[in-house]
Amino acid sequence: MSALSTAFVRLHARLTPVAFVPEVRLHQADEPIGLWELTEGEFRSDRPPPFWAFAWAGGQSLARYVTDHPETVAGRRVLDLASGSGLVAIAAARAGAAAVRAVEVDELAVAAVALNAEANGVRVDAELGDILDGDSGAAEVVLAGDVFYSEAMANRVLRFLLRAARSGASVLVGDPDRAFLPRERFDDIAHYDVPVSEALESVRVKRTTVWRLRAGRPGTAD
């Protein structure tokens, strides 16, 4: 990560506990719209929105589940896909994962993940890159929070997650009923009412589900 990205995260986000997972502290922005405009301006319009600066509902639910059920990841190699702030990755590391890899396409997010992991006293390998056309590597558990927010993203993510599941990985997703979640592919395993930013979600609390991916085709035993 670059020194500029690290400095930007430190300048524009405060280290505070996560609302639904107060065991974890993250660099979080106080006000979303100004930061959104700033990253599109100073940091060019081709940059992704600052997903790293907020604890989204899907990530909070998944981090809560992993924290309350450490056996999900303990002693296992974990991949946190589209990691954002690194919340889920940090929760997995705190729960005793053998290794945690957090992947993001945004350099600012990679910087945020590294800073947040350090602040929480855990080891997370933050990686910059788009791996959706590849595979999950050596991961035994793949975690993904709030990744079904657009049709194009959902299609790519689902194909990636199915490859991971068919290679033997356990795949868990946190999602607050986004429009493009392919529910027929998943089994719900937990439900939470998660505090969220009203400026981002238009509500203060979102009902959020943790889902487990089935590797087979819908309606079949394979």
Protein backbone atom coordinates (compact mmCIF):
# COMPACT_ATOMS: atom_id res chain seq x y z
CA MET A 1 0.00 0.00 0.00
CA SER A 2 1.22 3.53 -0.70
CA ALA A 3 2.01 6.10 1.96
CA LEU A 4 -0.51 8.44 0.29
CA SER A 5 -3.34 5.94 0.64
CA THR A 6 -2.47 5.25 4.27
CA ALA A 7 -2.37 8.97 5.04
CA PHE A 8 -5.71 9.50 3.30
CA VAL A 9 -7.41 6.82 5.40
CA ARG A 10 -5.96 8.22 8.62
CA LEU A 11 -7.02 11.76 7.70
CA HIS A 12 -10.60 11.05 6.64
CA ALA A 13 -11.68 8.24 8.98
CA ARG A 14 -11.66 7.88 12.77
CA LEU A 15 -10.83 4.67 14.60
CA THR A 16 -14.07 3.73 16.38
CA PRO A 17 -15.86 0.52 17.47
CA VAL A 18 -18.20 -1.12 14.96
CA ALA A 19 -21.84 -0.73 16.03
CA PHE A 20 -22.83 -4.41 15.81
CA VAL A 21 -19.36 -5.86 16.45
CA PRO A 22 -17.87 -3.56 19.11
CA GLU A 23 -15.05 -6.04 19.68
CA VAL A 24 -13.58 -4.66 16.44
CA ARG A 25 -12.45 -1.09 15.81
CA LEU A 26 -12.27 0.35 12.29
CA HIS A 27 -11.27 3.59 10.64
CA GLN A 28 -14.77 4.86 9.78
CA ALA A 29 -15.94 8.06 8.11
CA ASP A 30 -18.37 10.31 9.94
CA GLU A 31 -20.13 11.58 6.83
CA PRO A 32 -20.46 9.51 3.62
CA ILE A 33 -21.38 11.99 0.91
CA GLY A 34 -18.44 14.35 1.35
CA LEU A 35 -15.96 11.47 1.38
CA TRP A 36 -17.62 9.93 -1.68
CA GLU A 37 -17.18 13.21 -3.58
CA LEU A 38 -13.63 13.60 -2.32
CA THR A 39 -12.50 10.18 -3.50
CA GLU A 40 -14.06 10.81 -6.90
CA GLY A 41 -12.32 14.17 -7.09
CA GLU A 42 -8.80 14.03 -5.66
CA PHE A 43 -8.51 10.32 -6.32
CA ARG A 44 -9.97 10.31 -9.88
CA SER A 45 -13.41 9.25 -11.02
CA ASP A 46 -12.25 5.76 -12.01
CA ARG A 47 -11.76 4.80 -8.36
CA PRO A 48 -14.42 2.66 -6.65
CA PRO A 49 -16.64 4.37 -4.07
CA PRO A 50 -15.17 4.36 -0.54
CA PHE A 51 -16.70 1.07 0.63
CA TRP A 52 -13.74 0.79 3.02
CA ALA A 53 -14.91 3.74 5.14
CA PHE A 54 -18.15 2.23 6.44
CA ALA A 55 -19.28 -0.92 8.23
CA TRP A 56 -21.93 -2.22 5.85
CA ALA A 57 -24.79 -4.38 7.08
CA GLY A 58 -23.71 -7.58 5.35
CA GLY A 59 -20.18 -7.32 6.69
CA GLN A 60 -21.38 -6.54 10.20
CA SER A 61 -23.66 -9.57 10.24
CA LEU A 62 -20.95 -11.88 8.92
CA ALA A 63 -18.40 -10.54 11.38
CA ARG A 64 -20.89 -10.99 14.22
CA TYR A 65 -21.55 -14.58 13.15
CA VAL A 66 -17.86 -15.45 12.92
CA THR A 67 -17.20 -13.82 16.29
CA ASP A 68 -20.01 -15.77 17.95
CA HIS A 69 -19.16 -19.01 16.11
CA PRO A 70 -15.34 -19.10 16.02
CA GLU A 71 -15.39 -22.77 15.05
CA THR A 72 -16.43 -21.57 11.58
CA VAL A 73 -12.90 -20.35 10.88
CA ALA A 74 -10.65 -21.51 13.74
CA GLY A 75 -7.49 -23.17 12.46
CA ARG A 76 -8.56 -22.72 8.83
CA ARG A 77 -7.31 -20.65 5.90
CA VAL A 78 -9.78 -17.83 5.18
CA LEU A 79 -10.40 -15.60 2.16
CA ASP A 80 -12.40 -12.40 2.67
CA LEU A 81 -13.65 -11.37 -0.76
CA ALA A 82 -14.24 -7.67 -1.54
CA SER A 83 -13.03 -6.96 1.97
CA GLY A 84 -13.80 -3.23 2.15
CA SER A 85 -12.72 -2.10 5.61
CA GLY A 86 -11.44 -5.56 6.51
CA LEU A 87 -14.10 -6.02 9.19
CA VAL A 88 -14.89 -9.64 8.30
CA ALA A 89 -11.23 -10.52 7.81
CA ILE A 90 -10.36 -9.06 11.21
CA ALA A 91 -13.22 -10.95 12.86
CA ALA A 92 -11.92 -14.17 11.30
CA ALA A 93 -8.38 -13.49 12.50
CA ARG A 94 -9.64 -12.73 16.03
CA ALA A 95 -11.62 -15.99 15.96
CA GLY A 96 -8.46 -18.01 15.41
CA ALA A 97 -8.17 -18.48 11.65
CA ALA A 98 -4.85 -20.00 10.64
CA ALA A 99 -4.38 -17.37 7.91
CA VAL A 100 -6.57 -14.59 6.53
CA ARG A 101 -6.32 -13.14 3.03
CA ALA A 102 -8.36 -9.98 2.31
CA VAL A 103 -8.73 -9.03 -1.36
CA GLU A 104 -9.85 -5.66 -2.71
CA VAL A 105 -9.74 -3.78 -6.02
CA ASP A 106 -9.29 -0.38 -4.33
CA GLU A 107 -5.87 0.71 -3.10
CA LEU A 108 -7.49 2.82 -0.38
CA ALA A 109 -9.35 -0.24 0.86
CA VAL A 110 -6.12 -2.25 1.00
CA ALA A 111 -4.58 0.53 3.07
CA ALA A 112 -7.63 0.59 5.35
CA VAL A 113 -7.54 -3.18 5.84
CA ALA A 114 -3.87 -3.06 6.82
CA LEU A 115 -4.40 -0.15 9.24
CA ASN A 116 -7.50 -1.75 10.77
CA ALA A 117 -5.80 -5.11 11.23
CA GLU A 118 -2.89 -3.42 12.97
CA ALA A 119 -5.27 -1.46 15.22
CA ASN A 120 -6.94 -4.71 16.26
CA GLY A 121 -3.68 -6.55 16.84
CA VAL A 122 -4.22 -9.26 14.22
CA ARG A 123 -2.49 -10.47 11.08
CA VAL A 124 -4.40 -10.04 7.80
CA ASP A 125 -2.75 -10.28 4.38
CA ALA A 126 -4.31 -7.40 2.43
CA GLU A 127 -4.08 -7.87 -1.33
CA LEU A 128 -4.88 -5.52 -4.22
CA GLY A 129 -6.45 -7.20 -7.25
CA ASP A 130 -9.50 -8.56 -9.04
CA ILE A 131 -9.55 -12.34 -8.55
CA LEU A 132 -13.16 -13.00 -9.60
CA ASP A 133 -12.16 -14.71 -12.84
CA GLY A 134 -9.78 -17.00 -10.97
CA ASP A 135 -10.15 -19.26 -7.96
CA SER A 136 -10.02 -19.06 -4.18
CA GLY A 137 -6.55 -20.56 -3.92
CA ALA A 138 -5.89 -22.48 -0.72
CA ALA A 139 -8.84 -21.01 1.16
CA GLU A 140 -10.86 -23.45 3.26
CA VAL A 141 -13.44 -20.77 4.13
CA VAL A 142 -14.57 -17.95 1.83
CA LEU A 143 -16.41 -15.02 3.39
CA ALA A 144 -18.18 -12.23 1.49
CA GLY A 145 -20.17 -9.37 2.96
CA ASP A 146 -22.53 -7.20 0.89
CA VAL A 147 -21.29 -8.29 -2.54
CA PHE A 148 -24.63 -8.62 -4.38
CA TYR A 149 -25.33 -4.91 -4.81
CA SER A 150 -25.33 -4.85 -8.65
CA GLU A 151 -26.27 -7.34 -11.34
CA ALA A 152 -22.85 -7.34 -13.00
CA MET A 153 -21.04 -7.79 -9.69
CA ALA A 154 -23.48 -10.45 -8.49
CA ASN A 155 -23.01 -12.61 -11.58
CA ARG A 156 -19.21 -12.56 -11.31
CA VAL A 157 -19.22 -13.12 -7.56
CA LEU A 158 -21.62 -16.06 -7.75
CA ARG A 159 -19.48 -17.84 -10.34
CA PHE A 160 -16.40 -17.31 -8.17
CA LEU A 161 -18.12 -18.52 -5.01
CA LEU A 162 -19.50 -21.60 -6.75
CA ARG A 163 -16.01 -22.53 -7.93
CA ALA A 164 -14.76 -22.11 -4.36
CA ALA A 165 -17.56 -24.28 -2.94
CA ARG A 166 -17.05 -26.99 -5.54
CA SER A 167 -13.36 -27.09 -4.67
CA GLY A 168 -14.28 -27.85 -1.06
CA ALA A 169 -14.37 -24.41 0.60
CA SER A 170 -17.15 -23.44 2.98
CA VAL A 171 -18.74 -20.23 1.62
CA LEU A 172 -20.64 -17.78 3.85
CA VAL A 173 -22.25 -14.55 2.69
CA GLY A 174 -23.72 -11.66 4.69
CA ASP A 175 -26.49 -9.82 2.86
CA PRO A 176 -29.23 -7.34 3.89
CA ASP A 177 -31.69 -8.45 1.20
CA ARG A 178 -29.94 -6.79 -1.73
CA ALA A 179 -31.83 -7.08 -5.01
CA PHE A 180 -29.33 -9.32 -6.80
CA LEU A 181 -28.74 -11.98 -4.16
CA PRO A 182 -29.50 -15.40 -5.78
CA ARG A 183 -31.38 -16.75 -2.76
CA GLU A 184 -32.12 -20.08 -4.41
CA ARG A 185 -28.41 -20.90 -4.20
CA PHE A 186 -28.16 -20.42 -0.43
CA ASP A 187 -29.37 -21.69 2.94
CA ASP A 188 -29.95 -19.07 5.63
CA ILE A 189 -28.15 -19.80 8.90
CA ALA A 190 -28.57 -16.61 10.97
CA HIS A 191 -30.58 -13.38 11.06
CA TYR A 192 -29.66 -10.07 12.67
CA ASP A 193 -31.05 -6.55 12.99
CA VAL A 194 -27.96 -4.50 12.17
CA PRO A 195 -27.47 -0.76 12.92
CA VAL A 196 -26.53 1.11 9.74
CA SER A 197 -25.92 4.65 8.51
CA GLU A 198 -29.21 6.28 7.58
CA ALA A 199 -27.38 8.41 5.02
CA LEU A 200 -26.29 5.24 3.20
CA GLU A 201 -29.27 2.92 3.68
CA SER A 202 -32.22 5.32 4.30
CA VAL A 203 -32.98 3.39 7.51
CA ARG A 204 -31.28 3.06 10.90
CA VAL A 205 -31.53 -0.74 11.15
CA LYS A 206 -31.46 -3.39 8.41
CA ARG A 207 -32.61 -6.99 8.78
CA THR A 208 -29.59 -8.96 7.57
CA THR A 209 -28.99 -12.64 6.89
CA VAL A 210 -25.94 -14.86 6.92
CA TRP A 211 -26.20 -17.42 4.13
CA ARG A 212 -24.32 -20.63 3.36
CA LEU A 213 -23.77 -21.36 -0.33
CA ARG A 214 -24.81 -24.72 -1.79
CA ALA A 215 -22.35 -25.98 -4.39
CA GLY A 216 -24.96 -27.87 -6.46
CA ARG A 217 -27.50 -26.50 -8.92
CA PRO A 218 -30.83 -25.23 -7.53
CA GLY A 219 -33.38 -28.00 -7.11
CA THR A 220 -30.84 -30.81 -7.57
CA ALA A 221 -28.80 -33.00 -5.28
CA ASP A 222 -25.48 -32.21 -7.00
